[in-house]
Structure formats: C-alpha cells, structure tokens
Amino acid sequence: MRERGFSLVEFMIAMTIGLFLIAGLVYLLAETSRSRAEIERSSRQIENGRYALDRIAEDLR
C-alpha cells in the first residue's frame, strides 16, 4: 500500500513551478512600477508643454 503525502520528486516539481510563478509576479510588479514612473514623467512633460504654450500665447497677446 502506498504511503500518503508527496514524494521528493513531486515536491521538487511543485517548488519549481511555484518559483516560476513567483518570478513572473515579481517581473510584472517591476514592469508595472517602471511603466508608472514613465507615465508620470510623460505627464509632467505634457504639463510643462501646456504651461509653456500658455506663456507664449499670453506673451503674443
């Protein structure tokens, strides 16, 4: 009769799959953080551009 529980091979396979899943989640979090920083930088550039255009338009009046 087979004993209950996991064999060492089954446990190692489960650990490997778990590590791949965790690595994928860490990668997604890092990419999300990088994208957020890039969007904030772009937003600031757009804001600065609008301010510059408003100043130029005001000077031309």
PDB file of N, CA and C in Angstrom:
ATOM      1  N   MET A   1       0.841  -1.172   0.000  1.00  0.00           N
ATOM      2  CA  MET A   1       0.000   0.000   0.000  1.00  0.00           C
ATOM      3  C   MET A   1       0.892   1.243   0.000  1.00  0.00           C
ATOM      4  N   ARG A   2       0.529   2.196  -0.795  1.00  0.00           N
ATOM      5  CA  ARG A   2       1.324   3.421  -0.935  1.00  0.00           C
ATOM      6  C   ARG A   2       1.068   4.351   0.244  1.00  0.00           C
ATOM      7  N   GLU A   3       2.158   4.981   0.712  1.00  0.00           N
ATOM      8  CA  GLU A   3       2.013   5.926   1.812  1.00  0.00           C
ATOM      9  C   GLU A   3       1.433   7.233   1.298  1.00  0.00           C
ATOM     10  N   ARG A   4       0.769   7.952   2.173  1.00  0.00           N
ATOM     11  CA  ARG A   4       0.171   9.226   1.804  1.00  0.00           C
ATOM     12  C   ARG A   4       1.239  10.303   1.819  1.00  0.00           C
ATOM     13  N   GLY A   5       0.992  11.392   1.073  1.00  0.00           N
ATOM     14  CA  GLY A   5       1.930  12.508   1.035  1.00  0.00           C
ATOM     15  C   GLY A   5       2.610  12.605  -0.319  1.00  0.00           C
ATOM     16  N   PHE A   6       3.554  13.515  -0.386  1.00  0.00           N
ATOM     17  CA  PHE A   6       4.254  13.763  -1.639  1.00  0.00           C
ATOM     18  C   PHE A   6       5.628  13.118  -1.613  1.00  0.00           C
ATOM     19  N   SER A   7       6.047  12.660  -2.773  1.00  0.00           N
ATOM     20  CA  SER A   7       7.417  12.161  -2.879  1.00  0.00           C
ATOM     21  C   SER A   7       8.347  13.356  -3.073  1.00  0.00           C
ATOM     22  N   LEU A   8       9.623  13.119  -2.961  1.00  0.00           N
ATOM     23  CA  LEU A   8      10.606  14.192  -3.115  1.00  0.00           C
ATOM     24  C   LEU A   8      10.535  14.786  -4.520  1.00  0.00           C
ATOM     25  N   VAL A   9      10.355  13.962  -5.526  1.00  0.00           N
ATOM     26  CA  VAL A   9      10.273  14.445  -6.906  1.00  0.00           C
ATOM     27  C   VAL A   9       9.047  15.326  -7.086  1.00  0.00           C
ATOM     28  N   GLU A  10       7.921  14.901  -6.581  1.00  0.00           N
ATOM     29  CA  GLU A  10       6.703  15.705  -6.680  1.00  0.00           C
ATOM     30  C   GLU A  10       6.870  17.043  -5.967  1.00  0.00           C
ATOM     31  N   PHE A  11       7.495  17.002  -4.807  1.00  0.00           N
ATOM     32  CA  PHE A  11       7.726  18.231  -4.052  1.00  0.00           C
ATOM     33  C   PHE A  11       8.654  19.180  -4.815  1.00  0.00           C
ATOM     34  N   MET A  12       9.709  18.654  -5.410  1.00  0.00           N
ATOM     35  CA  MET A  12      10.657  19.486  -6.168  1.00  0.00           C
ATOM     36  C   MET A  12       9.981  20.099  -7.399  1.00  0.00           C
ATOM     37  N   ILE A  13       9.140  19.340  -8.076  1.00  0.00           N
ATOM     38  CA  ILE A  13       8.413  19.863  -9.237  1.00  0.00           C
ATOM     39  C   ILE A  13       7.465  20.975  -8.799  1.00  0.00           C
ATOM     40  N   ALA A  14       6.760  20.766  -7.704  1.00  0.00           N
ATOM     41  CA  ALA A  14       5.845  21.796  -7.195  1.00  0.00           C
ATOM     42  C   ALA A  14       6.612  23.054  -6.806  1.00  0.00           C
ATOM     43  N   MET A  15       7.764  22.898  -6.181  1.00  0.00           N
ATOM     44  CA  MET A  15       8.586  24.051  -5.804  1.00  0.00           C
ATOM     45  C   MET A  15       9.070  24.806  -7.041  1.00  0.00           C
ATOM     46  N   THR A  16       9.473  24.086  -8.068  1.00  0.00           N
ATOM     47  CA  THR A  16       9.943  24.724  -9.300  1.00  0.00           C
ATOM     48  C   THR A  16       8.820  25.517  -9.958  1.00  0.00           C
ATOM     49  N   ILE A  17       7.655  24.931 -10.043  1.00  0.00           N
ATOM     50  CA  ILE A  17       6.506  25.638 -10.621  1.00  0.00           C
ATOM     51  C   ILE A  17       6.174  26.869  -9.790  1.00  0.00           C
ATOM     52  N   GLY A  18       6.184  26.722  -8.473  1.00  0.00           N
ATOM     53  CA  GLY A  18       5.918  27.856  -7.589  1.00  0.00           C
ATOM     54  C   GLY A  18       6.933  28.972  -7.768  1.00  0.00           C
ATOM     55  N   LEU A  19       8.199  28.620  -7.902  1.00  0.00           N
ATOM     56  CA  LEU A  19       9.237  29.636  -8.102  1.00  0.00           C
ATOM     57  C   LEU A  19       9.053  30.368  -9.424  1.00  0.00           C
ATOM     58  N   PHE A  20       8.672  29.639 -10.473  1.00  0.00           N
ATOM     59  CA  PHE A  20       8.413  30.300 -11.758  1.00  0.00           C
ATOM     60  C   PHE A  20       7.243  31.273 -11.639  1.00  0.00           C
ATOM     61  N   LEU A  21       6.203  30.873 -10.924  1.00  0.00           N
ATOM     62  CA  LEU A  21       5.057  31.765 -10.735  1.00  0.00           C
ATOM     63  C   LEU A  21       5.447  33.009  -9.946  1.00  0.00           C
ATOM     64  N   ILE A  22       6.221  32.836  -8.895  1.00  0.00           N
ATOM     65  CA  ILE A  22       6.661  33.981  -8.093  1.00  0.00           C
ATOM     66  C   ILE A  22       7.561  34.893  -8.916  1.00  0.00           C
ATOM     67  N   ALA A  23       8.467  34.313  -9.702  1.00  0.00           N
ATOM     68  CA  ALA A  23       9.344  35.123 -10.554  1.00  0.00           C
ATOM     69  C   ALA A  23       8.523  35.926 -11.557  1.00  0.00           C
ATOM     70  N   GLY A  24       7.486  35.322 -12.106  1.00  0.00           N
ATOM     71  CA  GLY A  24       6.611  36.035 -13.034  1.00  0.00           C
ATOM     72  C   GLY A  24       5.893  37.192 -12.368  1.00  0.00           C
ATOM     73  N   LEU A  25       5.425  36.988 -11.156  1.00  0.00           N
ATOM     74  CA  LEU A  25       4.746  38.059 -10.423  1.00  0.00           C
ATOM     75  C   LEU A  25       5.700  39.201 -10.092  1.00  0.00           C
ATOM     76  N   VAL A  26       6.917  38.865  -9.689  1.00  0.00           N
ATOM     77  CA  VAL A  26       7.913  39.902  -9.391  1.00  0.00           C
ATOM     78  C   VAL A  26       8.217  40.699 -10.650  1.00  0.00           C
ATOM     79  N   TYR A  27       8.350  40.014 -11.785  1.00  0.00           N
ATOM     80  CA  TYR A  27       8.604  40.697 -13.052  1.00  0.00           C
ATOM     81  C   TYR A  27       7.449  41.642 -13.392  1.00  0.00           C
ATOM     82  N   LEU A  28       6.221  41.179 -13.220  1.00  0.00           N
ATOM     83  CA  LEU A  28       5.062  42.027 -13.505  1.00  0.00           C
ATOM     84  C   LEU A  28       5.024  43.252 -12.605  1.00  0.00           C
ATOM     85  N   LEU A  29       5.330  43.075 -11.333  1.00  0.00           N
ATOM     86  CA  LEU A  29       5.356  44.207 -10.410  1.00  0.00           C
ATOM     87  C   LEU A  29       6.432  45.212 -10.803  1.00  0.00           C
ATOM     88  N   ALA A  30       7.601  44.723 -11.188  1.00  0.00           N
ATOM     89  CA  ALA A  30       8.690  45.615 -11.591  1.00  0.00           C
ATOM     90  C   ALA A  30       8.316  46.377 -12.858  1.00  0.00           C
ATOM     91  N   GLU A  31       7.722  45.701 -13.818  1.00  0.00           N
ATOM     92  CA  GLU A  31       7.320  46.358 -15.065  1.00  0.00           C
ATOM     93  C   GLU A  31       6.214  47.382 -14.817  1.00  0.00           C
ATOM     94  N   THR A  32       5.288  47.051 -13.937  1.00  0.00           N
ATOM     95  CA  THR A  32       4.217  47.987 -13.601  1.00  0.00           C
ATOM     96  C   THR A  32       4.784  49.244 -12.958  1.00  0.00           C
ATOM     97  N   SER A  33       5.735  49.060 -12.070  1.00  0.00           N
ATOM     98  CA  SER A  33       6.370  50.200 -11.405  1.00  0.00           C
ATOM     99  C   SER A  33       7.126  51.059 -12.414  1.00  0.00           C
ATOM    100  N   ARG A  34       7.841  50.413 -13.327  1.00  0.00           N
ATOM    101  CA  ARG A  34       8.588  51.142 -14.354  1.00  0.00           C
ATOM    102  C   ARG A  34       7.635  51.906 -15.273  1.00  0.00           C
ATOM    103  N   SER A  35       6.548  51.269 -15.662  1.00  0.00           N
ATOM    104  CA  SER A  35       5.566  51.920 -16.531  1.00  0.00           C
ATOM    105  C   SER A  35       4.928  53.113 -15.833  1.00  0.00           C
ATOM    106  N   ARG A  36       4.629  52.960 -14.552  1.00  0.00           N
ATOM    107  CA  ARG A  36       4.036  54.052 -13.785  1.00  0.00           C
ATOM    108  C   ARG A  36       4.973  55.250 -13.735  1.00  0.00           C
ATOM    109  N   ALA A  37       6.250  55.006 -13.508  1.00  0.00           N
ATOM    110  CA  ALA A  37       7.227  56.093 -13.464  1.00  0.00           C
ATOM    111  C   ALA A  37       7.334  56.775 -14.827  1.00  0.00           C
ATOM    112  N   GLU A  38       7.295  55.992 -15.895  1.00  0.00           N
ATOM    113  CA  GLU A  38       7.371  56.555 -17.246  1.00  0.00           C
ATOM    114  C   GLU A  38       6.131  57.391 -17.560  1.00  0.00           C
ATOM    115  N   ILE A  39       4.971  56.927 -17.152  1.00  0.00           N
ATOM    116  CA  ILE A  39       3.733  57.679 -17.382  1.00  0.00           C
ATOM    117  C   ILE A  39       3.752  58.983 -16.596  1.00  0.00           C
ATOM    118  N   GLU A  40       4.243  58.942 -15.358  1.00  0.00           N
ATOM    119  CA  GLU A  40       4.342  60.172 -14.564  1.00  0.00           C
ATOM    120  C   GLU A  40       5.290  61.172 -15.223  1.00  0.00           C
ATOM    121  N   ARG A  41       6.418  60.673 -15.744  1.00  0.00           N
ATOM    122  CA  ARG A  41       7.377  61.546 -16.426  1.00  0.00           C
ATOM    123  C   ARG A  41       6.746  62.166 -17.667  1.00  0.00           C
ATOM    124  N   SER A  42       6.039  61.373 -18.444  1.00  0.00           N
ATOM    125  CA  SER A  42       5.366  61.887 -19.639  1.00  0.00           C
ATOM    126  C   SER A  42       4.306  62.912 -19.267  1.00  0.00           C
ATOM    127  N   SER A  43       3.584  62.650 -18.206  1.00  0.00           N
ATOM    128  CA  SER A  43       2.549  63.573 -17.753  1.00  0.00           C
ATOM    129  C   SER A  43       3.153  64.919 -17.361  1.00  0.00           C
ATOM    130  N   ARG A  44       4.297  64.877 -16.670  1.00  0.00           N
ATOM    131  CA  ARG A  44       4.973  66.130 -16.304  1.00  0.00           C
ATOM    132  C   ARG A  44       5.432  66.890 -17.542  1.00  0.00           C
ATOM    133  N   GLN A  45       5.931  66.171 -18.543  1.00  0.00           N
ATOM    134  CA  GLN A  45       6.370  66.823 -19.777  1.00  0.00           C
ATOM    135  C   GLN A  45       5.194  67.486 -20.483  1.00  0.00           C
ATOM    136  N   ILE A  46       4.068  66.815 -20.526  1.00  0.00           N
ATOM    137  CA  ILE A  46       2.873  67.393 -21.152  1.00  0.00           C
ATOM    138  C   ILE A  46       2.432  68.629 -20.389  1.00  0.00           C
ATOM    139  N   GLU A  47       2.442  68.534 -19.065  1.00  0.00           N
ATOM    140  CA  GLU A  47       2.066  69.679 -18.229  1.00  0.00           C
ATOM    141  C   GLU A  47       3.002  70.862 -18.477  1.00  0.00           C
ATOM    142  N   ASN A  48       4.300  70.587 -18.557  1.00  0.00           N
ATOM    143  CA  ASN A  48       5.266  71.655 -18.829  1.00  0.00           C
ATOM    144  C   ASN A  48       5.051  72.254 -20.218  1.00  0.00           C
ATOM    145  N   GLY A  49       4.724  71.413 -21.186  1.00  0.00           N
ATOM    146  CA  GLY A  49       4.449  71.902 -22.534  1.00  0.00           C
ATOM    147  C   GLY A  49       3.226  72.800 -22.569  1.00  0.00           C
ATOM    148  N   ARG A  50       2.188  72.405 -21.862  1.00  0.00           N
ATOM    149  CA  ARG A  50       0.977  73.235 -21.802  1.00  0.00           C
ATOM    150  C   ARG A  50       1.278  74.583 -21.150  1.00  0.00           C
ATOM    151  N   TYR A  51       2.050  74.547 -20.083  1.00  0.00           N
ATOM    152  CA  TYR A  51       2.417  75.788 -19.397  1.00  0.00           C
ATOM    153  C   TYR A  51       3.213  76.693 -20.339  1.00  0.00           C
ATOM    154  N   ALA A  52       4.171  76.109 -21.058  1.00  0.00           N
ATOM    155  CA  ALA A  52       4.983  76.899 -21.990  1.00  0.00           C
ATOM    156  C   ALA A  52       4.111  77.503 -23.089  1.00  0.00           C
ATOM    157  N   LEU A  53       3.190  76.730 -23.630  1.00  0.00           N
ATOM    158  CA  LEU A  53       2.304  77.245 -24.679  1.00  0.00           C
ATOM    159  C   LEU A  53       1.399  78.347 -24.143  1.00  0.00           C
ATOM    160  N   ASP A  54       0.912  78.190 -22.924  1.00  0.00           N
ATOM    161  CA  ASP A  54       0.095  79.244 -22.312  1.00  0.00           C
ATOM    162  C   ASP A  54       0.904  80.525 -22.148  1.00  0.00           C
ATOM    163  N   ARG A  55       2.148  80.394 -21.726  1.00  0.00           N
ATOM    164  CA  ARG A  55       3.004  81.575 -21.555  1.00  0.00           C
ATOM    165  C   ARG A  55       3.283  82.249 -22.897  1.00  0.00           C
ATOM    166  N   ILE A  56       3.554  81.455 -23.923  1.00  0.00           N
ATOM    167  CA  ILE A  56       3.814  82.020 -25.250  1.00  0.00           C
ATOM    168  C   ILE A  56       2.567  82.726 -25.767  1.00  0.00           C
ATOM    169  N   ALA A  57       1.405  82.081 -25.608  1.00  0.00           N
ATOM    170  CA  ALA A  57       0.153  82.688 -26.064  1.00  0.00           C
ATOM    171  C   ALA A  57      -0.116  83.985 -25.310  1.00  0.00           C
ATOM    172  N   GLU A  58       0.178  84.005 -24.025  1.00  0.00           N
ATOM    173  CA  GLU A  58      -0.018  85.208 -23.218  1.00  0.00           C
ATOM    174  C   GLU A  58       0.923  86.326 -23.669  1.00  0.00           C
ATOM    175  N   ASP A  59       2.155  85.970 -23.991  1.00  0.00           N
ATOM    176  CA  ASP A  59       3.123  86.972 -24.452  1.00  0.00           C
ATOM    177  C   ASP A  59       2.753  87.535 -25.825  1.00  0.00           C
ATOM    178  N   LEU A  60       2.101  86.729 -26.657  1.00  0.00           N
ATOM    179  CA  LEU A  60       1.740  87.182 -28.000  1.00  0.00           C
ATOM    180  C   LEU A  60       0.518  88.096 -27.989  1.00  0.00           C
ATOM    181  N   ARG A  61      -0.250  88.095 -26.927  1.00  0.00           N
ATOM    182  CA  ARG A  61      -1.457  88.924 -26.866  1.00  0.00           C
ATOM    183  C   ARG A  61      -1.122  90.363 -26.648  1.00  0.00           C
TER     184      ARG A  61
END
